[in-house]
Amino acid sequence: MKRYIITFLLVTFVGYLIAEAAPKPKHVVFIGLDGWAANTYDQSEMPFVKKLAAEGAFTKEKRSVLPSSSAVNWASIFMGAGPEVHGYLNWGSKTPELNQPTDAVKTNGIFPTVFQLARLQHPKADIALFAEWDGIKHLVDTLSFSHFEQTVPEATAARAGEYLKAVRPELTAIVFDRPDHPGHDNGWGSPEYYAMMTRLDNSIAEIFKALEKAGMIDDTMVIITADHGGKGTGHGGTSMSEMQSPLIIWGKGVQRATTITDMVVSYDIAPTIARALGLKTPSCWRGRAVTQALR
């Protein structure tokens, strides 16, 4: 019995040391592609993104919350909870339509986002967001950012890259308002949609070049995903075409060449970022970190 207890304590201690020694990123970069549908992934010409997927942790089965539309899911991605908790219910929600938990909104009058956690717990950190859709500003705590910029399409990667090289922020979010537009205009899976995916692949490669020039690449975790997919020329429903998007987690602290088989939902992204940066998460969050992808 005594030998068993000693062995158990040694195993526990070694496990603790391994957990403590696990590599932690100094930087996290989140890249969001509005309307990136999982069922278009295989047909898309995205050599750079597919290389990242092969090198890191990957799934094509990350689900949106319902409805499968923009504001609801960007809020869930950044707030670590679903619409029944954070209260944003519609495509273009600017304020919560549901009353939020009374103990949740404590800072800056907004449900806690991962950016707010980083600001409160790492007060000297540089935190930046670059977004093409102006609706994003209603779903994040803009007071928590060191830099918040609404960009014009085709300039987003360059603007974000300049900032990465100049400042080397701890947490950066870069949100493209594409391929949602060709999806609505021409259809998900249309030639125009696939052409946009190739352009976005080039934009993501440009962001990575900036990370390399900034000397950040070896200490950065990158998360790439979307708010929703699409079907025909719309989204918002319950089909898998509308609900499923790819998820890639790559870089420092990430398991290599790993297929994520655990269920992942939009609200699991914020806890994953928080875990990577060593942030404590609030009790009102409902998501959990994608630990299968992390070292």
Protein backbone atom coordinates (compact mmCIF):
# COMPACT_ATOMS: atom_id res chain seq x y z
CA MET A 1 0.00 0.00 0.00
CA LYS A 2 2.83 2.35 0.91
CA ARG A 3 4.58 1.62 -2.39
CA TYR A 4 1.32 2.31 -4.26
CA ILE A 5 0.91 5.70 -2.56
CA ILE A 6 4.52 6.67 -3.32
CA THR A 7 4.11 5.64 -6.97
CA PHE A 8 0.86 7.58 -7.25
CA LEU A 9 2.46 10.71 -5.80
CA LEU A 10 5.45 10.42 -8.15
CA VAL A 11 3.20 10.01 -11.20
CA THR A 12 1.09 12.98 -10.11
CA PHE A 13 4.17 15.12 -9.54
CA VAL A 14 5.72 14.21 -12.90
CA GLY A 15 2.40 14.98 -14.60
CA TYR A 16 2.33 18.35 -12.90
CA LEU A 17 5.89 19.11 -14.06
CA ILE A 18 5.04 18.11 -17.61
CA ALA A 19 1.95 20.35 -17.59
CA GLU A 20 3.97 23.24 -16.21
CA ALA A 21 6.69 22.69 -18.82
CA ALA A 22 4.23 22.58 -21.74
CA PRO A 23 5.14 25.25 -24.27
CA LYS A 24 3.02 28.38 -23.99
CA PRO A 25 2.69 30.94 -26.78
CA LYS A 26 3.62 34.55 -26.11
CA HIS A 27 1.23 35.67 -28.84
CA VAL A 28 -2.13 34.51 -30.18
CA VAL A 29 -3.46 35.56 -33.59
CA PHE A 30 -7.09 34.81 -34.39
CA ILE A 31 -8.08 34.93 -38.08
CA GLY A 32 -11.80 34.85 -38.91
CA LEU A 33 -13.25 34.26 -42.38
CA ASP A 34 -16.91 35.24 -42.50
CA GLY A 35 -18.95 32.53 -44.19
CA TRP A 36 -16.24 29.88 -44.70
CA ALA A 37 -18.22 26.67 -45.20
CA ALA A 38 -16.67 23.31 -44.36
CA ASN A 39 -18.22 21.61 -47.37
CA THR A 40 -16.23 23.90 -49.70
CA TYR A 41 -12.86 23.13 -48.09
CA ASP A 42 -11.78 20.20 -50.26
CA GLN A 43 -12.60 21.97 -53.52
CA SER A 44 -10.91 25.25 -52.53
CA GLU A 45 -7.49 26.11 -53.89
CA MET A 46 -5.90 27.21 -50.61
CA PRO A 47 -2.43 25.65 -50.58
CA PHE A 48 -1.07 27.78 -47.74
CA VAL A 49 -4.05 27.26 -45.43
CA LYS A 50 -4.14 23.53 -46.17
CA LYS A 51 -0.45 23.31 -45.30
CA LEU A 52 -1.23 24.89 -41.92
CA ALA A 53 -4.08 22.41 -41.42
CA ALA A 54 -1.74 19.48 -42.12
CA GLU A 55 0.92 20.80 -39.75
CA GLY A 56 -1.35 21.72 -36.84
CA ALA A 57 -4.67 20.60 -35.36
CA PHE A 58 -7.64 20.56 -37.74
CA THR A 59 -11.32 19.76 -38.09
CA LYS A 60 -13.98 20.48 -40.69
CA GLU A 61 -16.74 19.96 -38.14
CA LYS A 62 -16.63 23.06 -35.92
CA ARG A 63 -20.26 24.08 -35.43
CA SER A 64 -21.88 27.45 -35.18
CA VAL A 65 -24.45 28.27 -32.54
CA LEU A 66 -27.98 28.92 -33.77
CA PRO A 67 -28.99 30.85 -35.69
CA SER A 68 -26.02 30.28 -38.02
CA SER A 69 -25.51 33.97 -38.68
CA SER A 70 -22.83 36.58 -38.10
CA ALA A 71 -23.40 38.68 -34.98
CA VAL A 72 -24.67 35.71 -32.98
CA ASN A 73 -21.59 33.65 -33.75
CA TRP A 74 -18.90 36.34 -33.61
CA ALA A 75 -20.29 37.20 -30.17
CA SER A 76 -20.14 33.52 -29.18
CA ILE A 77 -16.59 33.17 -30.52
CA PHE A 78 -15.34 36.15 -28.51
CA MET A 79 -17.59 35.76 -25.44
CA GLY A 80 -17.19 32.06 -24.69
CA ALA A 81 -20.95 31.49 -24.42
CA GLY A 82 -23.99 30.96 -26.62
CA PRO A 83 -26.83 33.38 -27.41
CA GLU A 84 -28.99 32.04 -24.56
CA VAL A 85 -26.35 33.50 -22.21
CA HIS A 86 -24.73 36.49 -23.99
CA GLY A 87 -28.07 37.58 -25.44
CA TYR A 88 -27.14 38.52 -29.03
CA LEU A 89 -29.77 36.72 -31.12
CA ASN A 90 -29.82 38.05 -34.69
CA TRP A 91 -27.59 38.53 -37.73
CA GLY A 92 -26.98 42.21 -37.04
CA SER A 93 -27.48 42.45 -33.27
CA LYS A 94 -25.89 45.59 -31.81
CA THR A 95 -27.08 45.09 -28.25
CA PRO A 96 -28.22 41.93 -26.44
CA GLU A 97 -31.89 41.11 -26.96
CA LEU A 98 -31.96 38.87 -23.88
CA ASN A 99 -31.21 39.90 -20.33
CA GLN A 100 -27.71 38.70 -19.47
CA PRO A 101 -26.79 37.00 -16.16
CA THR A 102 -26.76 39.67 -13.47
CA ASP A 103 -23.25 38.77 -12.32
CA ALA A 104 -21.75 38.76 -15.84
CA VAL A 105 -21.50 42.39 -16.93
CA LYS A 106 -18.98 43.94 -14.56
CA THR A 107 -16.60 45.86 -16.84
CA ASN A 108 -17.26 48.44 -19.58
CA GLY A 109 -20.96 47.52 -19.81
CA ILE A 110 -20.49 44.44 -21.97
CA PHE A 111 -20.54 40.69 -21.47
CA PRO A 112 -16.93 39.59 -20.85
CA THR A 113 -14.93 38.94 -24.00
CA VAL A 114 -11.55 37.27 -24.27
CA PHE A 115 -10.13 40.71 -25.07
CA GLN A 116 -11.50 42.08 -21.82
CA LEU A 117 -9.98 39.19 -19.87
CA ALA A 118 -6.60 39.84 -21.47
CA ARG A 119 -6.80 43.55 -20.63
CA LEU A 120 -7.80 43.00 -17.00
CA GLN A 121 -5.33 40.20 -16.30
CA HIS A 122 -2.46 41.42 -18.50
CA PRO A 123 -2.89 45.21 -18.18
CA LYS A 124 0.30 46.02 -20.08
CA ALA A 125 -0.47 43.73 -23.01
CA ASP A 126 -1.00 45.10 -26.49
CA ILE A 127 -4.35 43.86 -27.85
CA ALA A 128 -5.49 44.62 -31.40
CA LEU A 129 -8.40 43.93 -33.72
CA PHE A 130 -8.71 44.52 -37.46
CA ALA A 131 -12.18 43.93 -38.92
CA GLU A 132 -13.86 44.62 -42.25
CA TRP A 133 -17.45 44.35 -41.00
CA ASP A 134 -18.52 47.35 -38.95
CA GLY A 135 -20.90 45.16 -36.94
CA ILE A 136 -17.96 43.61 -35.09
CA LYS A 137 -17.56 46.71 -32.94
CA HIS A 138 -20.85 45.93 -31.17
CA LEU A 139 -19.70 42.43 -30.19
CA VAL A 140 -16.32 43.17 -28.58
CA ASP A 141 -15.21 45.35 -25.72
CA THR A 142 -13.58 48.11 -27.78
CA LEU A 143 -12.33 49.80 -24.59
CA SER A 144 -10.07 46.81 -23.98
CA PHE A 145 -8.10 47.25 -27.19
CA SER A 146 -4.80 49.01 -27.63
CA HIS A 147 -5.71 49.31 -31.32
CA PHE A 148 -9.09 48.81 -33.02
CA GLU A 149 -9.38 49.39 -36.75
CA GLN A 150 -12.12 48.91 -39.30
CA THR A 151 -10.33 48.05 -42.52
CA VAL A 152 -11.36 48.10 -46.15
CA PRO A 153 -11.35 44.79 -48.05
CA GLU A 154 -8.05 43.91 -49.73
CA ALA A 155 -6.15 46.09 -47.22
CA THR A 156 -6.85 44.06 -44.10
CA ALA A 157 -3.85 41.72 -44.26
CA ALA A 158 -1.47 44.59 -45.02
CA ARG A 159 -2.77 46.78 -42.20
CA ALA A 160 -2.64 43.94 -39.70
CA GLY A 161 0.81 42.94 -40.92
CA GLU A 162 2.18 46.43 -40.43
CA TYR A 163 0.90 46.44 -36.87
CA LEU A 164 2.28 42.99 -36.07
CA LYS A 165 5.73 44.02 -37.24
CA ALA A 166 5.67 47.35 -35.39
CA VAL A 167 4.13 46.32 -32.07
CA ARG A 168 4.23 42.49 -31.68
CA PRO A 169 0.89 42.36 -29.79
CA GLU A 170 0.02 39.63 -27.32
CA LEU A 171 -3.46 39.09 -28.79
CA THR A 172 -4.57 40.03 -32.30
CA ALA A 173 -7.86 39.34 -34.06
CA ILE A 174 -8.14 39.77 -37.83
CA VAL A 175 -11.69 39.31 -39.18
CA PHE A 176 -12.37 39.28 -42.91
CA ASP A 177 -15.94 39.96 -44.11
CA ARG A 178 -15.38 37.31 -46.78
CA PRO A 179 -16.17 34.89 -48.40
CA ASP A 180 -19.66 35.82 -47.20
CA HIS A 181 -20.18 38.39 -49.96
CA PRO A 182 -19.63 36.12 -52.98
CA GLY A 183 -21.63 33.51 -51.10
CA HIS A 184 -24.65 35.80 -50.94
CA ASP A 185 -24.11 37.27 -54.41
CA ASN A 186 -23.23 34.14 -56.36
CA GLY A 187 -23.76 31.17 -54.05
CA TRP A 188 -21.70 29.10 -51.66
CA GLY A 189 -19.50 26.89 -53.85
CA SER A 190 -19.81 29.15 -56.90
CA PRO A 191 -16.71 29.97 -59.02
CA GLU A 192 -16.71 33.45 -57.48
CA TYR A 193 -16.77 31.95 -53.98
CA TYR A 194 -13.80 29.68 -54.73
CA ALA A 195 -11.89 32.56 -56.32
CA MET A 196 -12.35 34.51 -53.08
CA MET A 197 -11.04 31.57 -51.04
CA THR A 198 -7.83 31.61 -53.08
CA ARG A 199 -7.47 35.35 -52.49
CA LEU A 200 -7.98 34.83 -48.77
CA ASP A 201 -5.34 32.10 -48.81
CA ASN A 202 -2.91 34.69 -50.17
CA SER A 203 -3.98 37.16 -47.47
CA ILE A 204 -3.32 34.64 -44.71
CA ALA A 205 0.09 33.88 -46.22
CA GLU A 206 0.78 37.63 -46.10
CA ILE A 207 -0.08 37.71 -42.39
CA PHE A 208 2.33 34.84 -41.76
CA LYS A 209 5.10 36.67 -43.62
CA ALA A 210 4.52 39.60 -41.26
CA LEU A 211 4.77 37.25 -38.25
CA GLU A 212 8.09 35.99 -39.57
CA LYS A 213 9.45 39.50 -40.16
CA ALA A 214 8.28 40.50 -36.67
CA GLY A 215 10.23 37.60 -35.16
CA MET A 216 6.99 36.24 -33.66
CA ILE A 217 6.40 33.09 -35.67
CA ASP A 218 8.07 30.66 -33.23
CA ASP A 219 6.14 32.01 -30.23
CA THR A 220 2.69 32.41 -31.77
CA MET A 221 -0.46 30.32 -31.78
CA VAL A 222 -2.73 30.98 -34.77
CA ILE A 223 -6.42 30.06 -34.82
CA ILE A 224 -8.31 30.19 -38.14
CA THR A 225 -12.05 29.58 -38.37
CA ALA A 226 -15.40 31.14 -39.32
CA ASP A 227 -18.68 32.25 -37.84
CA HIS A 228 -20.86 30.09 -40.12
CA GLY A 229 -21.08 28.38 -43.49
CA GLY A 230 -23.74 28.77 -46.15
CA LYS A 231 -26.20 27.07 -48.49
CA GLY A 232 -27.41 28.38 -51.82
CA THR A 233 -27.10 32.14 -51.37
CA GLY A 234 -27.89 32.32 -47.66
CA HIS A 235 -27.34 31.01 -44.16
CA GLY A 236 -28.96 31.09 -40.75
CA GLY A 237 -30.61 27.68 -40.82
CA THR A 238 -29.83 24.31 -39.28
CA SER A 239 -28.24 22.44 -42.19
CA MET A 240 -24.65 21.26 -41.73
CA SER A 241 -23.71 23.33 -44.80
CA GLU A 242 -24.72 26.44 -42.86
CA MET A 243 -23.45 25.33 -39.45
CA GLN A 244 -20.06 23.71 -40.06
CA SER A 245 -16.80 25.56 -40.68
CA PRO A 246 -13.16 24.47 -40.71
CA LEU A 247 -11.01 25.11 -37.65
CA ILE A 248 -7.21 25.23 -37.74
CA ILE A 249 -5.07 25.69 -34.64
CA TRP A 250 -1.38 26.03 -35.49
CA GLY A 251 1.90 27.01 -33.88
CA LYS A 252 3.36 27.25 -30.41
CA GLY A 253 1.74 24.96 -27.87
CA VAL A 254 -0.27 23.07 -30.52
CA GLN A 255 -0.26 19.34 -31.25
CA ARG A 256 1.24 18.65 -34.66
CA ALA A 257 -0.62 16.85 -37.45
CA THR A 258 -3.67 16.23 -35.28
CA THR A 259 -7.26 15.65 -36.32
CA ILE A 260 -9.65 17.21 -33.81
CA THR A 261 -12.36 14.64 -33.13
CA ASP A 262 -13.88 16.33 -30.07
CA MET A 263 -16.96 18.43 -30.72
CA VAL A 264 -16.07 22.11 -31.09
CA VAL A 265 -18.63 24.94 -31.09
CA SER A 266 -18.16 28.67 -31.68
CA TYR A 267 -18.07 29.41 -27.94
CA ASP A 268 -15.06 27.08 -27.46
CA ILE A 269 -12.71 29.48 -29.27
CA ALA A 270 -12.46 32.12 -26.53
CA PRO A 271 -11.60 29.55 -23.81
CA THR A 272 -8.92 28.13 -26.12
CA ILE A 273 -7.35 31.57 -26.52
CA ALA A 274 -7.65 32.17 -22.77
CA ARG A 275 -5.93 28.89 -21.95
CA ALA A 276 -3.09 29.64 -24.36
CA LEU A 277 -2.47 33.01 -22.70
CA GLY A 278 -2.94 31.76 -19.14
CA LEU A 279 -6.13 33.74 -18.52
CA LYS A 280 -8.73 32.82 -15.91
CA THR A 281 -12.21 32.54 -17.41
CA PRO A 282 -15.46 33.76 -15.82
CA SER A 283 -18.20 31.47 -14.54
CA CYS A 284 -20.69 32.90 -17.07
CA TRP A 285 -18.72 31.36 -19.95
CA ARG A 286 -20.02 28.03 -21.23
CA GLY A 287 -17.29 27.05 -23.68
CA ARG A 288 -14.29 24.85 -23.02
CA ALA A 289 -10.78 24.95 -24.46
CA VAL A 290 -10.03 22.61 -27.36
CA THR A 291 -7.54 20.66 -25.24
CA GLN A 292 -7.19 17.90 -27.83
CA ALA A 293 -5.36 20.41 -30.01
CA LEU A 294 -3.06 21.73 -27.28
CA ARG A 295 0.24 20.47 -25.88
